[in-house]
Amino acid sequence: MHVSEINRRLDEYGTLCDSAENGRRLALWETADRGLRAETQWHGTPNYTTDSGKPMPVTAECLEKMWEAVLGMDLRRFYTEPDYFLEFFLKYKILKFRRFADDTPLTREIPVCFGVTHEAGILGQAVQHLPGMEPQLAKQPIVDENTDLPRAIDFSENPYLQMAIPFYERVNTLAGREFQVIFPQWYRGPQGVALYIRGFENFSIDMYENPAFAHRLLRYVTDAAKQYARWRAHFTGEPIARCDLFNDDIPLMSPTSYTQFFLPYEQELSDFFGGVYYWHSCGDITAHVPAVRRLPSVNLLDFGVSMDDKAKGLAGLTTPGGDPNKPRAIEFRVMAQRHIQEASEEEQRAYIRTILRGCRAHDVVRYVVRSSGMSLLLGGEPDLARLARWVDIVREVQAEKDW
């Protein structure tokens, strides 16, 4: 796309940012932390509770695979060409804003994100860019029991960042001063990074046969996260803010293993960053919720797409006499394929009612209902039509007098 066309889309995007509808959406969210953060999807915290009598926010997101069919986006180019990245970031954000009457706002922040490969890539794991796919990590792990894990990392000479920095700088130049381009953040938790550079099977075995090495590796990736935060703050001039912890693979481990191996390092990161803004897992963490609850200062806790029974998860947050570590808000992510694309409207309504009843039963007063993980199933446009209708259905259920 020619630069003049990107500028036209930036103008259109900016106009939507200033619209009355976007003002309505922005007014629902707290502003102490960014809602658009380490990845390109919105994760906001409502600035009100159910005590206000207002319905809690509804947000709708799609996987980037959707934009291949709907917008003709090439995933490999999206992650490797900065001009192309900005073009399609603006295209799908504008489309979503116009198509869905949900509560996801637009902001003048543009996060540069390289997906799940970012942290492991920084530490030396090879990254592959394959046609029609998000960046993938090479299968061969780079760490074994004999690997020398350095105590300090020179990010100024890091090969991965030598790719990321010019990508970011180009997007920044194209976007101009009206927009803030966000340099990639370290947002994956210690477990995920350790798994990616050691290998899932290897690290799982280490925990039982060589726990000392497992802890040495977790120490390495935790220290790397803190060192990167300091380097990034110096590079960008931005202060260190509350972190995110993405833990998609936590359910692979038992709650006991999570408590023994991972929680202490997450606590250390929470202390370093001044708290955890968003604790995330696509896996079913129902059994892990009582352990995760022990992590203080979590602002937004993700009840992800694989946790089908949200009320059961909420029960894990409940303790006699209240819990000072209870997260400030819950993000209820609804699995799009099961509960939207393959569900009848009545089935969709019934599932939303179970979430709202669970919140009432467990005194959860600040939350978000969010569609997540929608990919191509019905052909693209029909999928988006279903998602738009789902937003309306959630609002209709919220307006019911008795769930």
Protein backbone atom coordinates (compact mmCIF):
# COMPACT_ATOMS: atom_id res chain seq x y z
CA MET A 1 0.00 0.00 0.00
CA HIS A 2 1.27 3.47 -0.85
CA VAL A 3 2.11 5.71 2.13
CA SER A 4 -0.63 8.15 1.10
CA GLU A 5 -3.19 5.36 1.44
CA ILE A 6 -1.88 4.50 4.91
CA ASN A 7 -2.23 8.17 5.82
CA ARG A 8 -5.82 8.12 4.61
CA ARG A 9 -6.57 5.16 6.84
CA LEU A 10 -4.83 6.84 9.77
CA ASP A 11 -7.10 9.84 9.25
CA GLU A 12 -10.17 7.61 9.15
CA TYR A 13 -9.03 5.77 12.27
CA GLY A 14 -8.39 9.08 14.05
CA THR A 15 -11.85 10.33 13.12
CA LEU A 16 -13.40 7.22 14.63
CA CYS A 17 -11.28 7.71 17.78
CA ASP A 18 -12.88 11.15 18.14
CA SER A 19 -16.44 9.96 17.44
CA ALA A 20 -19.27 10.11 19.95
CA GLU A 21 -19.63 6.33 19.81
CA ASN A 22 -15.99 5.84 20.73
CA GLY A 23 -16.44 8.34 23.54
CA ARG A 24 -19.26 6.17 24.86
CA ARG A 25 -17.06 3.11 24.76
CA LEU A 26 -14.02 4.78 26.32
CA ALA A 27 -16.15 6.07 29.20
CA LEU A 28 -16.69 2.47 30.41
CA TRP A 29 -13.04 1.70 31.16
CA GLU A 30 -10.41 2.54 33.72
CA THR A 31 -7.49 4.56 32.40
CA ALA A 32 -4.70 3.92 34.94
CA ASP A 33 -3.41 1.08 32.71
CA ARG A 34 -3.59 0.63 28.97
CA GLY A 35 -6.34 -1.65 27.74
CA LEU A 36 -4.39 -2.15 24.53
CA ARG A 37 -1.12 -3.57 25.72
CA ALA A 38 1.33 -6.27 24.69
CA GLU A 39 -0.94 -7.73 21.99
CA THR A 40 -3.30 -6.15 19.49
CA GLN A 41 -6.52 -7.11 21.33
CA TRP A 42 -8.22 -4.99 23.99
CA HIS A 43 -8.16 -6.13 27.63
CA GLY A 44 -9.79 -3.39 29.65
CA THR A 45 -11.03 -3.13 33.23
CA PRO A 46 -14.51 -1.59 33.73
CA ASN A 47 -14.57 1.60 35.78
CA TYR A 48 -17.88 0.72 37.45
CA THR A 49 -19.59 -2.25 39.08
CA THR A 50 -22.92 -4.00 38.88
CA ASP A 51 -23.99 -1.89 41.87
CA SER A 52 -24.41 0.97 39.40
CA GLY A 53 -27.28 -0.89 37.77
CA LYS A 54 -25.57 -0.67 34.38
CA PRO A 55 -24.78 -3.79 32.32
CA MET A 56 -21.12 -4.75 32.33
CA PRO A 57 -19.13 -4.32 29.09
CA VAL A 58 -19.28 -6.75 26.18
CA THR A 59 -16.30 -7.11 23.84
CA ALA A 60 -15.80 -9.12 20.65
CA GLU A 61 -12.52 -10.25 19.11
CA CYS A 62 -11.44 -12.48 16.24
CA LEU A 63 -8.27 -14.40 15.53
CA GLU A 64 -6.16 -12.81 12.84
CA LYS A 65 -6.91 -15.80 10.60
CA MET A 66 -10.36 -14.23 10.11
CA TRP A 67 -8.87 -11.26 8.29
CA GLU A 68 -7.29 -13.51 5.67
CA ALA A 69 -10.75 -14.36 4.34
CA VAL A 70 -12.52 -11.07 5.03
CA LEU A 71 -9.79 -8.56 4.15
CA GLY A 72 -7.34 -10.64 2.12
CA MET A 73 -4.62 -10.25 4.74
CA ASP A 74 -1.41 -12.29 4.38
CA LEU A 75 -0.37 -13.41 7.86
CA ARG A 76 3.28 -13.85 7.00
CA ARG A 77 3.53 -10.33 5.58
CA PHE A 78 1.59 -8.94 8.56
CA TYR A 79 4.36 -10.10 10.91
CA THR A 80 7.35 -9.32 8.70
CA GLU A 81 6.57 -6.08 6.82
CA PRO A 82 5.91 -2.97 8.94
CA ASP A 83 4.00 -1.05 6.25
CA TYR A 84 1.77 -4.06 5.66
CA PHE A 85 1.30 -4.56 9.42
CA LEU A 86 0.09 -1.00 9.91
CA GLU A 87 -2.16 -1.14 6.86
CA PHE A 88 -4.05 -4.21 8.06
CA PHE A 89 -4.01 -3.26 11.74
CA LEU A 90 -5.92 -0.13 10.75
CA LYS A 91 -8.17 -2.02 8.32
CA TYR A 92 -9.41 -4.62 10.77
CA LYS A 93 -9.70 -2.23 13.69
CA ILE A 94 -11.84 0.09 11.56
CA LEU A 95 -13.94 -2.84 10.30
CA LYS A 96 -14.52 -4.18 13.82
CA PHE A 97 -15.51 -0.78 15.15
CA ARG A 98 -18.03 -0.23 12.39
CA ARG A 99 -19.37 -3.81 12.32
CA PHE A 100 -19.79 -4.65 16.01
CA ALA A 101 -21.89 -2.61 18.44
CA ASP A 102 -19.83 -3.86 21.37
CA ASP A 103 -17.85 -1.88 23.94
CA THR A 104 -14.32 -2.27 22.53
CA PRO A 105 -12.94 1.25 22.10
CA LEU A 106 -10.36 2.57 19.71
CA THR A 107 -7.29 4.31 21.09
CA ARG A 108 -4.38 6.07 19.44
CA GLU A 109 -2.05 3.31 20.59
CA ILE A 110 -0.61 0.84 18.09
CA PRO A 111 1.08 -2.15 19.75
CA VAL A 112 3.80 -3.89 17.77
CA CYS A 113 3.45 -7.57 18.63
CA PHE A 114 5.12 -10.68 17.20
CA GLY A 115 2.84 -13.20 18.91
CA VAL A 116 3.88 -16.11 21.09
CA THR A 117 7.43 -16.17 19.71
CA HIS A 118 8.56 -12.85 21.22
CA GLU A 119 10.17 -13.83 24.52
CA ALA A 120 11.66 -17.13 23.36
CA GLY A 121 12.91 -15.39 20.23
CA ILE A 122 14.75 -12.84 22.34
CA LEU A 123 16.42 -15.69 24.22
CA GLY A 124 17.62 -17.30 20.99
CA GLN A 125 14.89 -19.75 19.97
CA ALA A 126 14.59 -19.83 16.17
CA VAL A 127 11.43 -18.29 14.71
CA GLN A 128 9.82 -19.46 11.47
CA HIS A 129 7.52 -17.43 9.21
CA LEU A 130 5.36 -19.85 7.25
CA PRO A 131 2.63 -19.08 4.69
CA GLY A 132 -0.80 -18.57 6.25
CA MET A 133 0.47 -18.87 9.82
CA GLU A 134 1.43 -16.65 12.71
CA PRO A 135 5.14 -16.80 13.64
CA GLN A 136 6.10 -20.27 14.84
CA LEU A 137 8.93 -21.43 17.09
CA ALA A 138 11.32 -23.99 15.64
CA LYS A 139 10.80 -27.47 17.09
CA GLN A 140 14.39 -27.95 18.23
CA PRO A 141 14.79 -26.45 21.74
CA ILE A 142 17.90 -24.42 22.48
CA VAL A 143 18.36 -25.34 26.16
CA ASP A 144 19.46 -28.55 27.85
CA GLU A 145 20.93 -29.42 31.26
CA ASN A 146 24.42 -28.37 30.16
CA THR A 147 23.49 -25.00 28.69
CA ASP A 148 25.26 -22.02 30.19
CA LEU A 149 22.42 -19.67 31.14
CA PRO A 150 23.91 -16.17 31.37
CA ARG A 151 23.09 -13.99 34.36
CA ALA A 152 23.03 -10.86 32.19
CA ILE A 153 21.76 -10.36 28.64
CA ASP A 154 23.06 -7.68 26.27
CA PHE A 155 19.85 -6.57 24.58
CA SER A 156 21.65 -3.91 22.57
CA GLU A 157 23.23 -6.67 20.47
CA ASN A 158 20.30 -9.10 20.53
CA PRO A 159 19.65 -10.57 17.03
CA TYR A 160 15.90 -10.80 17.56
CA LEU A 161 15.66 -7.19 18.64
CA GLN A 162 17.74 -6.13 15.66
CA MET A 163 14.69 -7.26 13.68
CA ALA A 164 12.09 -5.78 16.05
CA ILE A 165 13.63 -2.31 16.45
CA PRO A 166 13.59 -1.24 12.76
CA PHE A 167 10.08 -2.75 12.40
CA TYR A 168 8.89 -0.63 15.33
CA GLU A 169 10.71 2.48 14.11
CA ARG A 170 9.15 2.19 10.65
CA VAL A 171 5.63 1.86 12.10
CA ASN A 172 6.37 4.80 14.38
CA THR A 173 7.47 6.92 11.43
CA LEU A 174 4.40 6.02 9.40
CA ALA A 175 1.97 6.60 12.28
CA GLY A 176 3.31 10.04 13.15
CA ARG A 177 3.05 11.99 16.37
CA GLU A 178 -0.71 11.65 16.68
CA PHE A 179 -0.32 7.97 17.55
CA GLN A 180 1.74 6.11 20.14
CA VAL A 181 3.39 2.99 18.79
CA ILE A 182 4.04 0.51 21.61
CA PHE A 183 7.35 -1.32 21.47
CA PRO A 184 6.96 -5.10 22.11
CA GLN A 185 6.52 -5.98 25.75
CA TRP A 186 7.52 -9.14 27.61
CA TYR A 187 4.15 -10.59 28.49
CA ARG A 188 4.51 -14.37 28.68
CA GLY A 189 4.86 -15.91 32.14
CA PRO A 190 7.93 -17.86 33.29
CA GLN A 191 6.38 -21.25 32.61
CA GLY A 192 5.57 -20.52 28.97
CA VAL A 193 9.02 -19.12 28.18
CA ALA A 194 10.72 -22.08 29.88
CA LEU A 195 8.58 -24.54 27.91
CA TYR A 196 9.32 -22.83 24.61
CA ILE A 197 13.11 -22.80 24.93
CA ARG A 198 13.47 -26.19 26.67
CA GLY A 199 10.65 -28.09 24.96
CA PHE A 200 7.34 -29.14 26.51
CA GLU A 201 8.23 -32.77 27.13
CA ASN A 202 11.75 -32.02 28.31
CA PHE A 203 10.71 -29.40 30.81
CA SER A 204 7.84 -31.52 32.14
CA ILE A 205 10.32 -34.32 32.81
CA ASP A 206 12.79 -31.88 34.39
CA MET A 207 10.21 -30.93 37.00
CA TYR A 208 10.18 -34.51 38.29
CA GLU A 209 13.65 -35.84 37.51
CA ASN A 210 15.76 -32.70 37.77
CA PRO A 211 13.83 -30.04 39.71
CA ALA A 212 17.01 -28.11 40.49
CA PHE A 213 17.56 -27.54 36.77
CA ALA A 214 13.89 -26.64 36.27
CA HIS A 215 14.26 -23.93 38.91
CA ARG A 216 17.54 -22.75 37.38
CA LEU A 217 15.77 -22.31 34.06
CA LEU A 218 12.84 -20.51 35.67
CA ARG A 219 15.29 -18.24 37.46
CA TYR A 220 16.93 -17.45 34.11
CA VAL A 221 13.69 -16.53 32.30
CA THR A 222 12.40 -14.53 35.29
CA ASP A 223 15.62 -12.52 35.48
CA ALA A 224 15.48 -12.06 31.70
CA ALA A 225 11.96 -10.60 31.97
CA LYS A 226 13.14 -8.03 34.51
CA GLN A 227 16.28 -7.17 32.55
CA TYR A 228 14.23 -6.71 29.38
CA ALA A 229 11.82 -4.41 31.21
CA ARG A 230 14.72 -2.22 32.34
CA TRP A 231 16.24 -2.19 28.85
CA ARG A 232 12.87 -1.41 27.25
CA ALA A 233 12.23 1.45 29.67
CA HIS A 234 15.60 2.95 28.75
CA PHE A 235 15.06 2.40 25.01
CA THR A 236 11.56 3.88 24.89
CA GLY A 237 11.75 6.40 27.72
CA GLU A 238 8.58 4.88 29.20
CA PRO A 239 8.37 3.94 32.89
CA ILE A 240 8.04 0.30 33.89
CA ALA A 241 4.34 -0.46 34.30
CA ARG A 242 2.35 -3.35 35.71
CA CYS A 243 3.03 -6.55 33.80
CA ASP A 244 0.88 -9.13 32.07
CA LEU A 245 1.32 -12.85 32.67
CA PHE A 246 0.19 -15.04 29.77
CA ASN A 247 0.00 -18.64 30.95
CA ASP A 248 -1.68 -20.64 28.21
CA ASP A 249 0.09 -23.84 29.27
CA ILE A 250 -0.51 -23.73 33.04
CA PRO A 251 -3.21 -26.46 32.84
CA LEU A 252 -0.53 -28.89 31.63
CA MET A 253 0.77 -28.86 35.21
CA SER A 254 -1.09 -29.73 38.39
CA PRO A 255 -2.10 -27.00 40.84
CA THR A 256 0.57 -28.35 43.20
CA SER A 257 3.23 -28.02 40.50
CA TYR A 258 2.02 -24.52 39.68
CA THR A 259 2.34 -23.55 43.34
CA GLN A 260 5.78 -25.13 43.78
CA PHE A 261 7.43 -24.18 40.49
CA PHE A 262 5.74 -21.14 38.97
CA LEU A 263 3.84 -19.10 41.54
CA PRO A 264 7.00 -17.93 43.37
CA TYR A 265 8.46 -16.51 40.14
CA GLU A 266 5.16 -14.89 39.20
CA GLN A 267 5.09 -13.34 42.66
CA GLU A 268 8.61 -12.04 42.10
CA LEU A 269 7.57 -10.45 38.81
CA SER A 270 4.49 -8.95 40.44
CA ASP A 271 6.70 -7.37 43.10
CA PHE A 272 9.12 -6.06 40.47
CA PHE A 273 6.48 -4.57 38.18
CA GLY A 274 4.25 -3.23 40.94
CA GLY A 275 1.48 -5.75 40.30
CA VAL A 276 -0.03 -7.84 37.51
CA TYR A 277 -2.48 -6.07 35.25
CA TYR A 278 -3.72 -9.09 33.25
CA TRP A 279 -3.29 -12.76 34.17
CA HIS A 280 -4.26 -14.83 31.13
CA SER A 281 -4.67 -18.46 30.14
CA CYS A 282 -6.48 -19.98 27.19
CA GLY A 283 -6.47 -23.28 29.10
CA ASP A 284 -8.97 -24.46 31.71
CA ILE A 285 -7.57 -23.17 35.01
CA THR A 286 -10.57 -24.18 37.12
CA ALA A 287 -8.44 -26.43 39.36
CA HIS A 288 -5.70 -23.78 39.53
CA VAL A 289 -7.86 -20.79 40.53
CA PRO A 290 -7.33 -21.20 44.31
CA ALA A 291 -3.57 -21.14 43.70
CA VAL A 292 -3.69 -18.24 41.24
CA ARG A 293 -5.79 -16.35 43.77
CA ARG A 294 -2.76 -16.31 46.07
CA LEU A 295 -1.02 -13.95 43.66
CA PRO A 296 -1.76 -10.45 44.97
CA SER A 297 -2.43 -7.31 42.96
CA VAL A 298 -4.02 -8.96 39.91
CA ASN A 299 -6.19 -6.38 38.22
CA LEU A 300 -7.89 -8.47 35.52
CA LEU A 301 -8.07 -12.28 35.71
CA ASP A 302 -8.87 -14.24 32.58
CA PHE A 303 -11.39 -17.08 32.74
CA GLY A 304 -10.43 -18.36 29.31
CA VAL A 305 -12.18 -20.09 26.47
CA SER A 306 -11.40 -23.61 27.71
CA MET A 307 -13.03 -22.99 31.09
CA ASP A 308 -16.56 -23.84 30.05
CA ASP A 309 -18.10 -23.78 33.53
CA LYS A 310 -17.27 -20.24 34.63
CA ALA A 311 -19.30 -20.56 37.83
CA LYS A 312 -17.14 -23.47 38.95
CA GLY A 313 -14.08 -21.32 38.39
CA LEU A 314 -15.63 -18.50 40.40
CA ALA A 315 -16.16 -20.89 43.30
CA GLY A 316 -12.37 -21.20 43.49
CA LEU A 317 -12.12 -17.48 44.21
CA THR A 318 -14.39 -17.70 47.23
CA THR A 319 -12.90 -18.04 50.70
CA PRO A 320 -14.53 -17.73 54.14
CA GLY A 321 -14.44 -14.16 55.36
CA GLY A 322 -13.41 -12.72 52.00
CA ASP A 323 -10.07 -12.68 50.24
CA PRO A 324 -7.82 -9.62 50.02
CA ASN A 325 -6.14 -11.18 46.96
CA LYS A 326 -9.34 -11.42 44.95
CA PRO A 327 -8.70 -9.93 41.49
CA ARG A 328 -10.25 -6.57 40.77
CA ALA A 329 -12.14 -7.83 37.72
CA ILE A 330 -12.78 -11.01 35.71
CA GLU A 331 -12.65 -11.33 31.93
CA PHE A 332 -15.07 -14.09 30.91
CA ARG A 333 -13.89 -15.24 27.50
CA VAL A 334 -16.53 -17.24 25.65
CA MET A 335 -15.35 -19.86 23.16
CA ALA A 336 -16.69 -18.56 19.86
CA GLN A 337 -16.95 -21.83 17.97
CA ARG A 338 -18.87 -23.69 20.66
CA HIS A 339 -21.05 -20.93 22.03
CA ILE A 340 -21.57 -18.67 19.00
CA GLN A 341 -20.77 -20.23 15.63
CA GLU A 342 -22.22 -23.68 16.39
CA ALA A 343 -24.88 -22.62 18.91
CA SER A 344 -28.48 -21.62 18.40
CA GLU A 345 -29.57 -18.24 19.71
CA GLU A 346 -31.35 -19.90 22.63
CA GLU A 347 -28.22 -21.87 23.47
CA GLN A 348 -26.24 -18.63 23.35
CA ARG A 349 -28.70 -16.98 25.72
CA ALA A 350 -28.64 -19.91 28.11
CA TYR A 351 -24.85 -19.87 28.34
CA ILE A 352 -24.68 -16.13 29.02
CA ARG A 353 -27.27 -16.58 31.77
CA THR A 354 -25.04 -19.16 33.49
CA ILE A 355 -22.19 -16.62 33.57
CA LEU A 356 -24.36 -13.84 34.96
CA ARG A 357 -25.89 -16.14 37.57
CA GLY A 358 -22.41 -17.27 38.60
CA CYS A 359 -21.35 -13.66 39.10
CA ARG A 360 -24.38 -12.97 41.25
CA ALA A 361 -23.88 -16.15 43.31
CA HIS A 362 -20.21 -15.42 43.98
CA ASP A 363 -20.49 -11.66 44.41
CA VAL A 364 -18.45 -10.74 41.34
CA VAL A 365 -19.37 -7.14 40.62
CA ARG A 366 -16.77 -6.07 38.03
CA TYR A 367 -16.32 -8.14 34.88
CA VAL A 368 -16.28 -8.27 31.08
CA VAL A 369 -18.15 -10.72 28.82
CA ARG A 370 -15.94 -11.31 25.80
CA SER A 371 -16.13 -13.44 22.70
CA SER A 372 -12.73 -14.94 21.98
CA GLY A 373 -10.94 -17.15 19.53
CA MET A 374 -13.30 -16.76 16.58
CA SER A 375 -11.68 -18.15 13.47
CA LEU A 376 -13.01 -19.18 10.08
CA LEU A 377 -15.83 -21.70 10.31
CA LEU A 378 -18.73 -20.42 8.22
CA GLY A 379 -16.69 -18.61 5.56
CA GLY A 380 -15.79 -15.24 7.03
CA GLU A 381 -18.67 -12.82 6.56
CA PRO A 382 -21.25 -15.25 8.02
CA ASP A 383 -18.95 -15.70 11.05
CA LEU A 384 -18.81 -11.94 11.58
CA ALA A 385 -22.60 -11.70 11.24
CA ARG A 386 -22.96 -14.32 13.96
CA LEU A 387 -20.57 -12.43 16.19
CA ALA A 388 -22.41 -9.14 15.67
CA ARG A 389 -25.69 -10.84 16.56
CA TRP A 390 -24.09 -12.41 19.65
CA VAL A 391 -23.24 -8.95 20.97
CA ASP A 392 -26.92 -8.04 20.69
CA ILE A 393 -27.95 -11.27 22.38
CA VAL A 394 -25.67 -10.62 25.36
CA ARG A 395 -27.19 -7.17 25.77
CA GLU A 396 -30.70 -8.62 25.56
CA VAL A 397 -29.89 -11.18 28.28
CA GLN A 398 -28.33 -8.50 30.47
CA ALA A 399 -31.59 -6.54 30.19
CA GLU A 400 -33.71 -9.45 31.40
CA LYS A 401 -35.20 -8.92 34.83
CA ASP A 402 -34.37 -12.38 36.06
CA TRP A 403 -31.65 -14.62 34.63
